């Protein structure tokens, strides 16, 4: 398993562990609110868990706008990790 695949799997597990209404197998196309039942408070909690789990700096609200699907969460974390490697 590549590092990117390992990150993606870890993010999926965290998202599904925190999802109020997880459905079926983890799919990157699933929507956080409509499919998995997240509300605004639960999304904020998910953000904090991801930041702490991956040692990321705090996300700014403008970075999170438009992140609606599991795959987009994976991309957000992967991008932040890549940016940290280049610092």
C-alpha atoms as a PDB file:
ATOM      1  CA  UNK A   1       0.000   0.000   0.000  1.00  0.00           C
ATOM      2  CA  UNK A   2       1.411   3.393  -0.984  1.00  0.00           C
ATOM      3  CA  UNK A   3       1.611   6.303   1.434  1.00  0.00           C
ATOM      4  CA  UNK A   4      -1.226   8.053  -0.439  1.00  0.00           C
ATOM      5  CA  UNK A   5      -3.398   4.944  -0.253  1.00  0.00           C
ATOM      6  CA  UNK A   6      -2.646   4.589   3.448  1.00  0.00           C
ATOM      7  CA  UNK A   7      -3.630   8.224   4.077  1.00  0.00           C
ATOM      8  CA  UNK A   8      -6.830   7.786   2.069  1.00  0.00           C
ATOM      9  CA  UNK A   9      -7.771   4.652   4.005  1.00  0.00           C
ATOM     10  CA  UNK A  10      -7.049   6.310   7.348  1.00  0.00           C
ATOM     11  CA  UNK A  11      -9.166   9.348   6.434  1.00  0.00           C
ATOM     12  CA  UNK A  12     -12.030   7.085   5.292  1.00  0.00           C
ATOM     13  CA  UNK A  13     -11.918   5.183   8.582  1.00  0.00           C
ATOM     14  CA  UNK A  14     -12.022   8.401  10.605  1.00  0.00           C
ATOM     15  CA  UNK A  15     -14.872   9.848   8.555  1.00  0.00           C
ATOM     16  CA  UNK A  16     -16.913   6.664   8.864  1.00  0.00           C
ATOM     17  CA  UNK A  17     -16.161   6.275  12.568  1.00  0.00           C
ATOM     18  CA  UNK A  18     -17.569   9.756  13.183  1.00  0.00           C
ATOM     19  CA  UNK A  19     -20.443   9.620  10.692  1.00  0.00           C
ATOM     20  CA  UNK A  20     -23.844   9.796  12.370  1.00  0.00           C
ATOM     21  CA  UNK A  21     -25.396   7.658   9.613  1.00  0.00           C
ATOM     22  CA  UNK A  22     -22.701   5.566   7.864  1.00  0.00           C
ATOM     23  CA  UNK A  23     -24.053   3.620   4.916  1.00  0.00           C
ATOM     24  CA  UNK A  24     -22.521   0.628   3.195  1.00  0.00           C
ATOM     25  CA  UNK A  25     -18.861   0.417   2.272  1.00  0.00           C
ATOM     26  CA  UNK A  26     -16.760   3.572   2.325  1.00  0.00           C
ATOM     27  CA  UNK A  27     -17.017   5.379  -0.985  1.00  0.00           C
ATOM     28  CA  UNK A  28     -15.245   8.585  -1.913  1.00  0.00           C
ATOM     29  CA  UNK A  29     -18.349   9.863  -3.710  1.00  0.00           C
ATOM     30  CA  UNK A  30     -20.514   9.824  -0.587  1.00  0.00           C
ATOM     31  CA  UNK A  31     -21.660  13.256   0.575  1.00  0.00           C
ATOM     32  CA  UNK A  32     -20.843  14.193   4.156  1.00  0.00           C
ATOM     33  CA  UNK A  33     -24.192  15.807   4.981  1.00  0.00           C
ATOM     34  CA  UNK A  34     -26.745  14.136   2.725  1.00  0.00           C
ATOM     35  CA  UNK A  35     -25.351  10.583   2.723  1.00  0.00           C
ATOM     36  CA  UNK A  36     -23.508  10.291   6.035  1.00  0.00           C
ATOM     37  CA  UNK A  37     -25.634  12.572   8.224  1.00  0.00           C
ATOM     38  CA  UNK A  38     -23.021  15.096   9.343  1.00  0.00           C
ATOM     39  CA  UNK A  39     -24.254  18.425  10.698  1.00  0.00           C
ATOM     40  CA  UNK A  40     -22.179  21.568  11.216  1.00  0.00           C
ATOM     41  CA  UNK A  41     -21.036  20.679  14.736  1.00  0.00           C
ATOM     42  CA  UNK A  42     -20.059  17.161  13.762  1.00  0.00           C
ATOM     43  CA  UNK A  43     -18.138  18.514  10.738  1.00  0.00           C
ATOM     44  CA  UNK A  44     -16.184  20.846  13.033  1.00  0.00           C
ATOM     45  CA  UNK A  45     -15.374  17.875  15.275  1.00  0.00           C
ATOM     46  CA  UNK A  46     -14.251  15.865  12.254  1.00  0.00           C
ATOM     47  CA  UNK A  47     -11.949  18.702  11.217  1.00  0.00           C
ATOM     48  CA  UNK A  48     -10.297  18.778  14.652  1.00  0.00           C
ATOM     49  CA  UNK A  49      -9.876  14.987  14.677  1.00  0.00           C
ATOM     50  CA  UNK A  50      -8.256  15.057  11.224  1.00  0.00           C
ATOM     51  CA  UNK A  51      -5.931  17.933  12.197  1.00  0.00           C
ATOM     52  CA  UNK A  52      -4.793  16.111  15.335  1.00  0.00           C
ATOM     53  CA  UNK A  53      -4.573  12.658  13.769  1.00  0.00           C
ATOM     54  CA  UNK A  54      -2.336  13.853  10.938  1.00  0.00           C
ATOM     55  CA  UNK A  55      -0.479  16.618  12.805  1.00  0.00           C
ATOM     56  CA  UNK A  56      -1.881  19.317  10.508  1.00  0.00           C
ATOM     57  CA  UNK A  57      -2.153  23.036  11.196  1.00  0.00           C
ATOM     58  CA  UNK A  58      -5.655  24.361  11.813  1.00  0.00           C
ATOM     59  CA  UNK A  59      -7.749  24.645   8.704  1.00  0.00           C
ATOM     60  CA  UNK A  60      -9.186  28.046   7.871  1.00  0.00           C
ATOM     61  CA  UNK A  61     -12.896  28.239   6.950  1.00  0.00           C
ATOM     62  CA  UNK A  62     -12.077  29.272   3.377  1.00  0.00           C
ATOM     63  CA  UNK A  63     -10.087  26.044   2.938  1.00  0.00           C
ATOM     64  CA  UNK A  64     -13.137  23.983   3.867  1.00  0.00           C
ATOM     65  CA  UNK A  65     -15.709  25.657   1.636  1.00  0.00           C
ATOM     66  CA  UNK A  66     -16.796  23.245  -1.051  1.00  0.00           C
ATOM     67  CA  UNK A  67     -15.557  20.114   0.730  1.00  0.00           C
ATOM     68  CA  UNK A  68     -18.698  18.015   0.525  1.00  0.00           C
ATOM     69  CA  UNK A  69     -17.629  14.450  -0.231  1.00  0.00           C
ATOM     70  CA  UNK A  70     -15.385  11.864   1.387  1.00  0.00           C
ATOM     71  CA  UNK A  71     -12.978  12.015  -1.563  1.00  0.00           C
ATOM     72  CA  UNK A  72     -12.655  15.781  -1.159  1.00  0.00           C
ATOM     73  CA  UNK A  73     -11.756  15.304   2.523  1.00  0.00           C
ATOM     74  CA  UNK A  74      -9.054  12.851   1.462  1.00  0.00           C
ATOM     75  CA  UNK A  75      -7.737  15.369  -1.078  1.00  0.00           C
ATOM     76  CA  UNK A  76      -7.707  18.136   1.528  1.00  0.00           C
ATOM     77  CA  UNK A  77      -5.657  16.068   3.978  1.00  0.00           C
ATOM     78  CA  UNK A  78      -3.297  14.757   1.270  1.00  0.00           C
ATOM     79  CA  UNK A  79      -2.661  18.287  -0.006  1.00  0.00           C
ATOM     80  CA  UNK A  80      -1.920  19.545   3.502  1.00  0.00           C
ATOM     81  CA  UNK A  81       0.463  16.647   4.122  1.00  0.00           C
ATOM     82  CA  UNK A  82       2.235  17.269   0.813  1.00  0.00           C
ATOM     83  CA  UNK A  83       2.575  20.980   1.629  1.00  0.00           C
ATOM     84  CA  UNK A  84       4.083  20.074   4.999  1.00  0.00           C
ATOM     85  CA  UNK A  85       6.648  17.811   3.323  1.00  0.00           C
ATOM     86  CA  UNK A  86       7.760  20.679   1.107  1.00  0.00           C
ATOM     87  CA  UNK A  87       8.239  23.166   3.951  1.00  0.00           C
END
